[in-house]
Amino acid sequence: MADSTHHTIRRAAARPRGWCCSFSGVPDSPEHRALPAGPAGAQKLPPKSPLAPSFHSSPSSKLAGLIDPRRILSPGRVSPIDSEGSPAVAAAGAEEEEALPRDQAAAALAPFVAVREDEEEGGGGLDLRLSLRGRDGRRVVMELDSAVLRESSAFFADMVPVASGGGGGGGKRIEVDGVDNLEAFKEAVELMFEPDAMRWLARAGVSRAIGVLEVSSSIMFDRGIESCLKYIEAVPWNENEEEKLKHVFARCTFDESVCRDVLARLQQQCTSSSEDLTVQLVESVTSGTNNSARKELQSLVSGLLSKSSVYHKDLSGLNKGSLYQICRCCLSSLVELFMDASGPIEDAGQATTISVRKPMIERVSKQTENLNWLFDILVNNDMAEEFVELWAKQDELIRMHEQASPMFRYELSRISASVFIALGKGRIQCPSDTRSQLFHGWFRPMLMDFGWLQRCSKGLDVRILEENLGQALLTLPLQQQQSLFEEWFRCFASRGTECPNLGRAFQVWWRRSFVRSSVEVRR
């Protein structure tokens, strides 16, 4: 061809069959080369044998996704025929379809027509010229051994006739137009001539192997399908390659015997829900003994369970009852720790046991971190209302708070801070009685521990705490607000910055309580 550059690959004596190909940005027009006149020069493909697998009816054939259905080649021509052609052409096509049997009529209406032409000169072992044209106009011309193509692909077997007399049989030409993935189609044909397909695929990589897999399925290239699936199953994939592979499996159908291992990596085989696994993960985190590892795992699990996560589709994998059961276990551990800290040491054996334990502040901090983490998960999944009620009813912890050392009792107020912030931001909607009980029990400990929370913040923003503590307080009945603001006023007057500054909320309460409004509220 005048405008194509041919690259011939010479093969060793042990590999007598070969191929070569050329690329062309603008394909040759058939009008610029002489074709043998008459029906002998350019002929339609013979109808398929009823014993051969039908390409168009095969469930694994997806060439409709690779070939532009609007580009149909006229037999003996390269240029496409417009699907909206003249009425005379359309009428002629309709008459011809009526004259054809049903299977041949289906072939005529295929998304493409591959054209075979006989050339005047034979090419030795390379006796077939395969021309592939992409939808973007690019073209690849490959000179091939027709026997290898026929033996490898059931699709091409119906197109490439067996040469008479067992010889070369002269040059032949097949042309396929409208190929969507031109490079993958070319590589699938190349793979037919590779003695070591796995080595070729290893050099190509996963993404190209997936493209070759789809083409191999379309042209019924069984060895290519098996080789691609074997290679893809044995190597890692990134997320883009995984999605690409899922799309191929959605469009193509493969025998279970060859795709079982790949499907096992793509789909969860067991039908059980993720609830049990989620509970196990959360329990493993809360019982972990390595602080840095536990914090890293908390971040990991929180990301998986977040409503905004790409991995979280619904709440089917998050069991509310199981999460609250873990919360109660952590609260029980916290109560036991405060009881141990406040109780007297009865004998030397108990003193020895206590001395080998981790420091009390570290053990208390672990449980408060667990509870704060669980509370965040519940808030993010709109399940936290019961936690507020659960925390408001911890009368025993509230009682022991006054007797405990301020070096670790402030950890309890860290939990209260998370609850107050969520209430102040409106992320939790609790009944008025629950909010009143919460402030009745945990407002005074918050005033006492605020100085420690400032010095040992551990990520807590005390300015946000001050703002939302005041906002949450303003949700109570005005009479209860007055008693709490009076208590805060006395504390702030004596302790200053060691006490939260609720001045802005206090002003709002004062205006609502004592400044006469122009609108009277009816009772």
Protein backbone atom coordinates (compact mmCIF):
# COMPACT_ATOMS: atom_id res chain seq x y z
CA MET A 1 0.00 0.00 0.00
CA ALA A 2 1.28 3.42 -0.91
CA ASP A 3 0.62 5.25 2.37
CA SER A 4 1.30 2.44 4.85
CA THR A 5 4.60 1.47 6.41
CA HIS A 6 4.97 -2.29 6.66
CA HIS A 7 6.97 -3.91 9.44
CA THR A 8 7.68 -7.56 8.75
CA ILE A 9 8.66 -9.72 11.70
CA ARG A 10 10.83 -12.62 10.66
CA ARG A 11 10.31 -15.71 12.69
CA ALA A 12 12.77 -18.46 13.55
CA ALA A 13 12.75 -21.75 11.72
CA ALA A 14 10.95 -23.39 14.59
CA ARG A 15 8.15 -20.87 14.14
CA PRO A 16 7.39 -20.84 10.43
CA ARG A 17 4.09 -19.01 10.79
CA GLY A 18 4.18 -15.28 11.22
CA TRP A 19 2.54 -11.98 10.68
CA CYS A 20 3.35 -8.40 10.00
CA CYS A 21 1.32 -5.24 10.28
CA SER A 22 1.26 -1.63 9.23
CA PHE A 23 -0.47 1.47 10.55
CA SER A 24 -2.13 4.17 8.51
CA GLY A 25 -3.63 7.39 9.81
CA VAL A 26 -5.76 7.91 6.70
CA PRO A 27 -6.83 4.63 5.10
CA ASP A 28 -6.48 4.00 1.40
CA SER A 29 -9.63 4.55 -0.55
CA PRO A 30 -10.68 1.55 -2.60
CA GLU A 31 -11.34 3.86 -5.51
CA HIS A 32 -7.59 4.45 -5.89
CA ARG A 33 -6.61 0.88 -6.51
CA ALA A 34 -7.68 -1.49 -9.23
CA LEU A 35 -9.92 -4.35 -8.25
CA PRO A 36 -10.68 -7.37 -10.37
CA ALA A 37 -13.95 -6.79 -12.17
CA GLY A 38 -16.99 -8.95 -11.78
CA PRO A 39 -18.20 -11.03 -8.89
CA ALA A 40 -15.03 -13.11 -8.87
CA GLY A 41 -12.98 -10.10 -7.78
CA ALA A 42 -14.90 -9.24 -4.62
CA GLN A 43 -17.29 -11.77 -3.20
CA LYS A 44 -19.46 -12.04 -0.13
CA LEU A 45 -18.48 -14.50 2.54
CA PRO A 46 -20.14 -17.88 2.21
CA PRO A 47 -22.85 -18.63 4.74
CA LYS A 48 -21.67 -20.29 7.95
CA SER A 49 -21.80 -23.97 8.43
CA PRO A 50 -24.67 -24.97 10.69
CA LEU A 51 -22.12 -26.94 12.74
CA ALA A 52 -19.95 -23.91 13.38
CA PRO A 53 -20.81 -21.68 16.34
CA SER A 54 -22.81 -18.67 15.29
CA PHE A 55 -21.05 -15.43 16.11
CA HIS A 56 -24.15 -13.31 16.08
CA SER A 57 -26.18 -15.59 18.31
CA SER A 58 -23.40 -16.52 20.74
CA PRO A 59 -24.03 -15.12 24.23
CA SER A 60 -20.30 -14.53 24.63
CA SER A 61 -20.03 -12.44 21.52
CA LYS A 62 -19.91 -8.73 22.22
CA LEU A 63 -18.47 -7.26 19.03
CA ALA A 64 -21.38 -4.84 19.02
CA GLY A 65 -19.44 -2.95 21.67
CA LEU A 66 -16.26 -3.04 19.60
CA ILE A 67 -17.71 -2.28 16.17
CA ASP A 68 -19.64 0.83 15.25
CA PRO A 69 -23.06 -0.49 14.18
CA ARG A 70 -23.57 2.41 11.79
CA ARG A 71 -20.64 1.48 9.56
CA ILE A 72 -21.49 -1.41 7.21
CA LEU A 73 -19.18 -2.38 4.42
CA SER A 74 -20.52 -3.17 1.01
CA PRO A 75 -19.04 -6.41 -0.35
CA GLY A 76 -15.95 -5.66 -2.39
CA ARG A 77 -15.64 -2.10 -1.00
CA VAL A 78 -13.79 -0.47 1.87
CA SER A 79 -15.69 2.77 2.24
CA PRO A 80 -18.73 2.71 4.56
CA ILE A 81 -22.31 2.90 3.41
CA ASP A 82 -24.50 5.46 5.14
CA SER A 83 -27.28 3.74 7.02
CA GLU A 84 -29.60 6.51 5.83
CA GLY A 85 -28.87 6.03 2.16
CA SER A 86 -31.04 6.67 -0.85
CA PRO A 87 -34.50 5.03 -1.08
CA ALA A 88 -33.37 3.00 -4.06
CA VAL A 89 -30.50 1.46 -2.10
CA ALA A 90 -32.70 0.79 0.91
CA ALA A 91 -35.32 -0.87 -1.26
CA ALA A 92 -32.72 -3.05 -2.91
CA GLY A 93 -31.39 -4.08 0.50
CA ALA A 94 -34.88 -4.98 1.66
CA GLU A 95 -35.51 -7.16 -1.41
CA GLU A 96 -32.22 -8.93 -0.91
CA GLU A 97 -32.99 -9.60 2.77
CA GLU A 98 -36.34 -11.13 1.90
CA ALA A 99 -34.65 -13.46 -0.54
CA LEU A 100 -32.13 -14.67 2.05
CA PRO A 101 -32.79 -17.40 4.59
CA ARG A 102 -33.26 -16.19 8.17
CA ASP A 103 -29.71 -17.02 9.34
CA GLN A 104 -28.14 -15.30 6.33
CA ALA A 105 -30.42 -12.28 6.76
CA ALA A 106 -29.23 -11.95 10.38
CA ALA A 107 -25.65 -12.00 9.14
CA ALA A 108 -26.44 -9.28 6.64
CA LEU A 109 -27.81 -7.08 9.43
CA ALA A 110 -24.76 -7.61 11.67
CA PRO A 111 -23.06 -4.55 13.15
CA PHE A 112 -20.30 -4.98 10.60
CA VAL A 113 -19.45 -6.97 7.49
CA ALA A 114 -15.97 -8.35 7.10
CA VAL A 115 -14.99 -8.48 3.44
CA ARG A 116 -12.78 -11.12 1.87
CA GLU A 117 -11.02 -10.47 -1.45
CA ASP A 118 -8.73 -12.74 -3.43
CA GLU A 119 -5.39 -11.22 -4.40
CA GLU A 120 -3.54 -12.14 -7.57
CA GLU A 121 -0.24 -13.00 -5.93
CA GLY A 122 0.39 -15.33 -3.03
CA GLY A 123 2.58 -14.32 -0.12
CA GLY A 124 4.21 -17.62 0.77
CA GLY A 125 3.38 -18.47 4.41
CA LEU A 126 1.79 -15.03 4.92
CA ASP A 127 -1.12 -15.63 2.59
CA LEU A 128 -3.75 -13.40 4.24
CA ARG A 129 -4.00 -9.66 4.63
CA LEU A 130 -6.22 -8.58 7.55
CA SER A 131 -7.22 -4.93 7.55
CA LEU A 132 -8.70 -3.45 10.72
CA ARG A 133 -10.15 0.03 10.69
CA GLY A 134 -11.05 1.88 13.90
CA ARG A 135 -13.93 4.20 14.48
CA ASP A 136 -11.50 7.11 14.56
CA GLY A 137 -10.34 6.37 11.00
CA ARG A 138 -7.01 4.75 11.89
CA ARG A 139 -6.19 1.47 10.21
CA VAL A 140 -3.95 -1.49 10.91
CA VAL A 141 -2.98 -3.91 8.14
CA MET A 142 -1.64 -7.29 9.20
CA GLU A 143 -0.17 -9.95 6.89
CA LEU A 144 -0.85 -13.30 8.46
CA ASP A 145 -0.72 -17.02 8.07
CA SER A 146 -4.37 -17.82 7.37
CA ALA A 147 -4.10 -21.31 8.85
CA VAL A 148 -3.13 -19.96 12.28
CA LEU A 149 -5.97 -17.42 12.18
CA ARG A 150 -8.48 -20.08 11.15
CA GLU A 151 -7.33 -22.56 13.81
CA SER A 152 -7.28 -19.97 16.62
CA SER A 153 -10.60 -18.16 16.16
CA ALA A 154 -13.97 -19.72 15.48
CA PHE A 155 -15.11 -16.35 14.19
CA PHE A 156 -12.36 -16.09 11.56
CA ALA A 157 -12.61 -19.79 10.75
CA ASP A 158 -15.85 -19.07 8.88
CA MET A 159 -14.20 -16.30 6.91
CA VAL A 160 -10.88 -17.85 5.91
CA PRO A 161 -11.42 -20.67 3.40
CA VAL A 162 -9.19 -23.70 3.40
CA ALA A 163 -6.76 -23.43 0.48
CA SER A 164 -7.34 -25.96 -2.28
CA GLY A 165 -4.60 -28.48 -2.92
CA GLY A 166 -3.08 -27.88 0.51
CA GLY A 167 -0.90 -25.05 -0.81
CA GLY A 168 -0.81 -21.34 -0.15
CA GLY A 169 -3.86 -20.86 -2.32
CA GLY A 170 -2.96 -17.31 -3.33
CA GLY A 171 -3.31 -14.10 -1.33
CA LYS A 172 -6.56 -13.33 0.47
CA ARG A 173 -7.84 -10.17 2.11
CA ILE A 174 -10.26 -9.66 5.01
CA GLU A 175 -11.33 -6.22 6.11
CA VAL A 176 -13.10 -5.30 9.36
CA ASP A 177 -14.43 -1.80 9.77
CA GLY A 178 -15.64 0.24 12.79
CA VAL A 179 -13.42 -1.40 15.43
CA ASP A 180 -13.80 0.39 18.77
CA ASN A 181 -10.58 -0.75 20.48
CA LEU A 182 -8.21 -1.06 17.54
CA GLU A 183 -5.08 -1.72 19.59
CA ALA A 184 -6.71 -4.51 21.63
CA PHE A 185 -8.04 -6.16 18.46
CA LYS A 186 -4.57 -6.10 16.90
CA GLU A 187 -2.99 -7.50 20.07
CA ALA A 188 -5.55 -10.31 20.27
CA VAL A 189 -4.55 -11.35 16.75
CA GLU A 190 -0.85 -11.08 17.67
CA LEU A 191 -1.46 -13.35 20.65
CA MET A 192 -2.55 -16.12 18.28
CA PHE A 193 1.02 -16.30 16.96
CA GLU A 194 2.75 -16.19 20.36
CA PRO A 195 4.02 -19.56 21.63
CA ASP A 196 4.24 -18.25 25.22
CA ALA A 197 1.07 -16.26 25.80
CA MET A 198 1.68 -15.75 29.53
CA ARG A 199 5.04 -14.09 28.92
CA TRP A 200 3.49 -11.80 26.32
CA LEU A 201 0.69 -10.82 28.72
CA ALA A 202 3.16 -10.22 31.56
CA ARG A 203 4.94 -7.68 29.36
CA ALA A 204 1.64 -6.11 28.30
CA GLY A 205 0.19 -5.64 31.80
CA VAL A 206 -3.26 -6.03 33.31
CA SER A 207 -5.07 -3.20 31.54
CA ARG A 208 -4.06 -4.36 28.06
CA ALA A 209 -4.76 -7.99 28.99
CA ILE A 210 -8.34 -7.03 29.90
CA GLY A 211 -8.78 -5.39 26.50
CA VAL A 212 -7.42 -8.49 24.78
CA LEU A 213 -9.76 -10.65 26.89
CA GLU A 214 -12.82 -8.77 25.64
CA VAL A 215 -11.74 -9.02 22.00
CA SER A 216 -10.85 -12.70 22.42
CA SER A 217 -14.35 -13.35 23.71
CA SER A 218 -15.83 -11.50 20.76
CA ILE A 219 -13.92 -13.41 18.11
CA MET A 220 -14.17 -16.73 20.01
CA PHE A 221 -10.43 -17.05 20.53
CA ASP A 222 -10.51 -19.70 23.26
CA ARG A 223 -6.78 -19.92 23.95
CA GLY A 224 -6.66 -16.14 24.29
CA ILE A 225 -9.56 -16.17 26.76
CA GLU A 226 -7.95 -18.84 28.91
CA SER A 227 -4.52 -17.19 28.85
CA CYS A 228 -5.90 -13.74 29.71
CA LEU A 229 -8.01 -15.05 32.58
CA LYS A 230 -5.11 -17.12 33.93
CA TYR A 231 -2.78 -14.12 33.87
CA ILE A 232 -5.32 -11.64 35.27
CA GLU A 233 -6.19 -13.94 38.17
CA ALA A 234 -2.53 -14.30 39.18
CA VAL A 235 -1.58 -10.61 39.44
CA PRO A 236 -2.77 -7.62 41.53
CA TRP A 237 -5.23 -5.08 40.09
CA ASN A 238 -5.76 -1.43 40.86
CA GLU A 239 -9.28 0.00 41.24
CA ASN A 240 -9.50 1.20 37.62
CA GLU A 241 -8.49 -2.23 36.33
CA GLU A 242 -11.00 -3.89 38.66
CA GLU A 243 -13.83 -1.70 37.33
CA LYS A 244 -12.73 -2.34 33.75
CA LEU A 245 -12.75 -6.09 34.39
CA LYS A 246 -16.23 -5.92 35.93
CA HIS A 247 -17.51 -4.17 32.80
CA VAL A 248 -16.03 -6.95 30.64
CA PHE A 249 -17.74 -9.63 32.72
CA ALA A 250 -21.00 -7.69 32.47
CA ARG A 251 -20.79 -7.65 28.64
CA CYS A 252 -19.26 -11.07 27.99
CA THR A 253 -20.12 -14.59 29.06
CA PHE A 254 -17.35 -17.04 29.89
CA ASP A 255 -17.35 -20.72 30.78
CA GLU A 256 -17.41 -21.13 34.54
CA SER A 257 -14.51 -23.57 34.40
CA VAL A 258 -12.13 -20.89 33.08
CA CYS A 259 -13.41 -17.80 34.92
CA ARG A 260 -14.18 -19.27 38.35
CA ASP A 261 -10.94 -18.07 39.98
CA VAL A 262 -11.27 -14.53 38.64
CA LEU A 263 -14.90 -14.32 39.77
CA ALA A 264 -13.82 -15.44 43.24
CA ARG A 265 -11.70 -12.27 43.42
CA LEU A 266 -14.41 -10.04 41.96
CA GLN A 267 -17.42 -11.25 43.95
CA GLN A 268 -17.98 -12.34 47.53
CA GLN A 269 -18.94 -16.00 47.35
CA CYS A 270 -20.65 -16.31 50.75
CA THR A 271 -24.17 -14.95 51.08
CA SER A 272 -23.94 -13.88 54.76
CA SER A 273 -24.18 -10.18 55.61
CA SER A 274 -21.32 -8.04 56.85
CA GLU A 275 -22.95 -7.42 60.25
CA ASP A 276 -21.01 -10.11 62.10
CA LEU A 277 -17.73 -9.04 60.54
CA THR A 278 -18.38 -5.38 61.44
CA VAL A 279 -19.00 -6.31 65.07
CA GLN A 280 -15.81 -8.37 65.16
CA LEU A 281 -13.80 -5.46 63.75
CA VAL A 282 -15.21 -2.99 66.26
CA GLU A 283 -14.62 -5.39 69.16
CA SER A 284 -11.04 -5.97 68.02
CA VAL A 285 -10.41 -2.24 68.02
CA THR A 286 -11.92 -1.60 71.45
CA SER A 287 -10.00 -4.50 73.01
CA GLY A 288 -6.68 -3.66 71.36
CA THR A 289 -3.68 -3.04 73.62
CA ASN A 290 -1.44 -1.08 71.25
CA ASN A 291 -2.49 2.57 71.42
CA SER A 292 -1.05 3.74 68.10
CA ALA A 293 -2.40 0.70 66.24
CA ARG A 294 -5.82 1.10 67.86
CA LYS A 295 -6.06 4.74 66.74
CA GLU A 296 -5.05 3.83 63.20
CA LEU A 297 -7.65 1.06 63.08
CA GLN A 298 -10.29 3.40 64.49
CA SER A 299 -9.65 5.76 61.58
CA LEU A 300 -9.79 2.87 59.11
CA VAL A 301 -13.08 1.41 60.38
CA SER A 302 -14.67 4.86 60.72
CA GLY A 303 -13.92 5.53 57.08
CA LEU A 304 -15.51 2.24 56.02
CA LEU A 305 -18.66 2.80 58.08
CA SER A 306 -19.11 6.47 57.21
CA LYS A 307 -22.25 7.30 55.23
CA SER A 308 -20.12 9.32 52.80
CA SER A 309 -17.71 6.45 52.18
CA VAL A 310 -17.58 4.88 48.72
CA TYR A 311 -17.67 1.50 50.47
CA HIS A 312 -20.83 2.22 52.47
CA LYS A 313 -23.99 1.79 50.41
CA ASP A 314 -26.60 1.30 53.15
CA LEU A 315 -26.90 0.42 56.81
CA SER A 316 -27.17 -3.33 56.22
CA GLY A 317 -23.62 -3.87 57.48
CA LEU A 318 -24.04 -1.85 60.70
CA ASN A 319 -25.95 -3.52 63.51
CA LYS A 320 -27.22 -0.90 65.96
CA GLY A 321 -27.91 -3.38 68.73
CA SER A 322 -24.43 -4.89 68.53
CA LEU A 323 -22.78 -1.44 68.63
CA TYR A 324 -24.71 -0.47 71.75
CA GLN A 325 -23.77 -3.75 73.37
CA ILE A 326 -20.11 -2.85 72.85
CA CYS A 327 -20.82 0.62 74.29
CA ARG A 328 -22.26 -0.95 77.45
CA CYS A 329 -19.21 -3.19 77.83
CA CYS A 330 -16.90 -0.17 77.64
CA LEU A 331 -19.04 1.70 80.19
CA SER A 332 -18.92 -1.30 82.54
CA SER A 333 -15.14 -1.36 82.26
CA LEU A 334 -15.03 2.36 83.01
CA VAL A 335 -17.17 1.93 86.14
CA GLU A 336 -14.92 -0.89 87.37
CA LEU A 337 -11.82 1.26 86.87
CA PHE A 338 -13.25 4.11 88.93
CA MET A 339 -14.36 1.69 91.62
CA ASP A 340 -10.82 0.27 91.79
CA ALA A 341 -9.37 3.77 91.98
CA SER A 342 -11.70 4.88 94.78
CA GLY A 343 -11.68 1.68 96.84
CA PRO A 344 -9.09 0.90 99.57
CA ILE A 345 -6.27 -1.63 99.02
CA GLU A 346 -7.05 -4.57 101.26
CA ASP A 347 -3.83 -6.64 101.17
CA ALA A 348 -0.30 -6.77 99.77
CA GLY A 349 -1.33 -9.20 97.01
CA GLN A 350 -3.84 -6.72 95.65
CA ALA A 351 -1.20 -3.97 95.81
CA THR A 352 1.21 -6.12 93.78
CA THR A 353 -1.46 -6.83 91.18
CA ILE A 354 -2.25 -3.13 90.85
CA SER A 355 1.42 -2.20 90.57
CA VAL A 356 1.98 -4.38 87.49
CA ARG A 357 -1.02 -2.93 85.68
CA LYS A 358 -0.80 0.00 83.34
CA PRO A 359 -1.34 3.38 85.00
CA MET A 360 -4.95 4.20 85.85
CA ILE A 361 -5.00 7.25 83.62
CA GLU A 362 -3.95 5.14 80.62
CA ARG A 363 -6.62 2.52 81.24
CA VAL A 364 -9.33 5.13 81.75
CA SER A 365 -8.18 7.00 78.66
CA LYS A 366 -8.46 3.85 76.55
CA GLN A 367 -12.12 3.30 77.49
CA THR A 368 -13.08 6.95 76.99
CA GLU A 369 -11.43 6.93 73.58
CA ASN A 370 -13.38 3.80 72.71
CA LEU A 371 -16.66 5.39 73.80
CA ASN A 372 -15.97 8.62 71.94
CA TRP A 373 -15.11 6.64 68.81
CA LEU A 374 -18.29 4.55 69.07
CA PHE A 375 -20.30 7.73 69.65
CA ASP A 376 -18.87 9.27 66.46
CA ILE A 377 -19.89 6.19 64.47
CA LEU A 378 -23.39 6.36 65.91
CA VAL A 379 -23.69 10.09 65.17
CA ASN A 380 -22.48 9.69 61.60
CA ASN A 381 -25.09 6.99 61.04
CA ASP A 382 -27.98 8.77 62.83
CA MET A 383 -28.10 6.28 65.69
CA ALA A 384 -26.82 8.35 68.64
CA GLU A 385 -30.01 9.35 70.49
CA GLU A 386 -29.90 6.28 72.73
CA PHE A 387 -26.26 6.99 73.60
CA VAL A 388 -27.25 10.38 75.05
CA GLU A 389 -29.83 8.67 77.26
CA LEU A 390 -27.32 5.97 78.22
CA TRP A 391 -24.70 8.54 79.23
CA ALA A 392 -27.21 10.71 81.10
CA LYS A 393 -28.14 7.76 83.35
CA GLN A 394 -24.60 6.98 84.56
CA ASP A 395 -25.41 7.97 88.14
CA GLU A 396 -22.65 5.83 89.64
CA LEU A 397 -19.95 7.37 87.45
CA ILE A 398 -21.27 10.85 88.26
CA ARG A 399 -21.06 10.09 91.99
CA MET A 400 -17.54 8.69 91.77
CA HIS A 401 -16.37 11.62 89.64
CA GLU A 402 -16.24 13.98 92.65
CA GLN A 403 -14.09 11.51 94.64
CA ALA A 404 -11.66 10.58 91.86
CA SER A 405 -8.36 12.26 91.08
CA PRO A 406 -8.64 15.16 88.61
CA MET A 407 -5.71 13.61 86.71
CA PHE A 408 -8.01 11.03 85.13
CA ARG A 409 -11.57 12.00 86.06
CA TYR A 410 -11.52 14.70 83.36
CA GLU A 411 -11.61 11.87 80.81
CA LEU A 412 -15.28 11.45 81.67
CA SER A 413 -15.92 15.07 80.73
CA ARG A 414 -14.26 14.36 77.40
CA ILE A 415 -17.21 12.06 76.61
CA SER A 416 -19.64 14.71 77.86
CA ALA A 417 -17.93 17.25 75.60
CA SER A 418 -18.60 15.10 72.53
CA VAL A 419 -22.26 14.76 73.49
CA PHE A 420 -22.69 18.50 74.20
CA ILE A 421 -21.07 19.44 70.89
CA ALA A 422 -23.34 17.09 68.93
CA LEU A 423 -26.41 18.51 70.70
CA GLY A 424 -25.28 22.09 70.16
CA LYS A 425 -24.77 21.48 66.43
CA GLY A 426 -28.21 19.90 66.14
CA ARG A 427 -26.84 16.56 64.99
CA ILE A 428 -28.85 14.70 67.63
CA GLN A 429 -32.53 15.26 68.39
CA CYS A 430 -33.31 14.05 71.91
CA PRO A 431 -36.42 14.59 74.06
CA SER A 432 -36.35 17.49 76.50
CA ASP A 433 -36.33 15.14 79.51
CA THR A 434 -33.20 13.40 78.24
CA ARG A 435 -31.39 16.71 77.68
CA SER A 436 -32.41 17.93 81.13
CA GLN A 437 -31.14 14.75 82.77
CA LEU A 438 -27.86 15.02 80.86
CA PHE A 439 -27.21 18.60 82.07
CA HIS A 440 -28.34 17.76 85.60
CA GLY A 441 -25.72 15.04 85.85
CA TRP A 442 -22.76 16.19 83.70
CA PHE A 443 -22.83 20.02 83.63
CA ARG A 444 -21.09 20.48 86.99
CA PRO A 445 -18.34 17.91 86.23
CA MET A 446 -17.74 19.82 82.97
CA LEU A 447 -17.23 23.07 84.90
CA MET A 448 -14.77 21.34 87.21
CA ASP A 449 -12.76 19.61 84.46
CA PHE A 450 -12.62 22.37 81.85
CA GLY A 451 -9.14 23.49 82.89
CA TRP A 452 -7.80 19.95 82.46
CA LEU A 453 -9.51 19.64 79.08
CA GLN A 454 -7.69 22.80 77.97
CA ARG A 455 -4.30 21.51 79.10
CA CYS A 456 -4.83 17.95 77.83
CA SER A 457 -7.05 18.59 74.83
CA LYS A 458 -6.10 15.49 72.80
CA GLY A 459 -7.63 17.02 69.70
CA LEU A 460 -10.60 18.64 71.44
CA ASP A 461 -11.23 22.24 70.36
CA VAL A 462 -12.31 23.96 73.60
CA ARG A 463 -13.64 27.01 71.71
CA ILE A 464 -16.03 24.77 69.80
CA LEU A 465 -16.93 23.11 73.09
CA GLU A 466 -17.75 26.48 74.72
CA GLU A 467 -19.95 27.56 71.81
CA ASN A 468 -21.92 24.33 71.50
CA LEU A 469 -22.20 23.79 75.26
CA GLY A 470 -23.99 27.15 75.41
CA GLN A 471 -26.16 26.28 72.39
CA ALA A 472 -27.15 22.93 73.90
CA LEU A 473 -27.97 24.63 77.22
CA LEU A 474 -30.31 27.05 75.42
CA THR A 475 -32.45 24.10 74.26
CA LEU A 476 -33.64 23.50 77.85
CA PRO A 477 -36.69 25.13 79.48
CA LEU A 478 -35.92 28.72 80.52
CA GLN A 479 -36.35 27.97 84.23
CA GLN A 480 -33.76 25.19 84.10
CA GLN A 481 -31.49 27.39 82.02
CA GLN A 482 -31.58 29.99 84.80
CA SER A 483 -30.37 27.56 87.48
CA LEU A 484 -27.54 26.29 85.26
CA PHE A 485 -26.46 29.77 84.17
CA GLU A 486 -26.41 30.92 87.81
CA GLU A 487 -24.14 27.98 88.66
CA TRP A 488 -21.89 28.82 85.72
CA PHE A 489 -21.79 32.52 86.70
CA ARG A 490 -20.53 31.72 90.20
CA CYS A 491 -17.93 29.24 88.85
CA PHE A 492 -16.64 31.64 86.19
CA ALA A 493 -16.42 34.49 88.68
CA SER A 494 -14.12 32.45 90.94
CA ARG A 495 -12.12 30.37 88.44
CA GLY A 496 -11.96 32.52 85.31
CA THR A 497 -10.45 30.75 82.30
CA GLU A 498 -10.49 27.45 84.19
CA CYS A 499 -14.21 27.55 83.52
CA PRO A 500 -15.88 27.59 80.06
CA ASN A 501 -16.96 31.01 78.83
CA LEU A 502 -20.69 30.86 78.18
CA GLY A 503 -21.18 34.62 78.06
CA ARG A 504 -22.83 34.72 74.63
CA ALA A 505 -25.37 32.03 75.56
CA PHE A 506 -25.98 33.80 78.87
CA GLN A 507 -26.90 37.00 77.00
CA VAL A 508 -29.36 35.09 74.84
CA TRP A 509 -30.99 33.57 77.92
CA TRP A 510 -31.19 36.96 79.62
CA ARG A 511 -32.86 38.59 76.59
CA ARG A 512 -35.36 35.75 76.27
CA SER A 513 -36.16 35.81 79.97
CA PHE A 514 -36.31 39.50 80.89
CA VAL A 515 -36.39 41.74 77.82
CA ARG A 516 -40.00 42.48 76.92
CA SER A 517 -40.83 41.52 73.37
CA SER A 518 -43.33 43.29 71.13
CA VAL A 519 -44.95 39.91 70.55
CA GLU A 520 -46.68 38.25 73.47
CA VAL A 521 -46.73 34.47 73.54
CA ARG A 522 -50.12 33.02 74.37
CA ARG A 523 -50.29 30.16 76.85
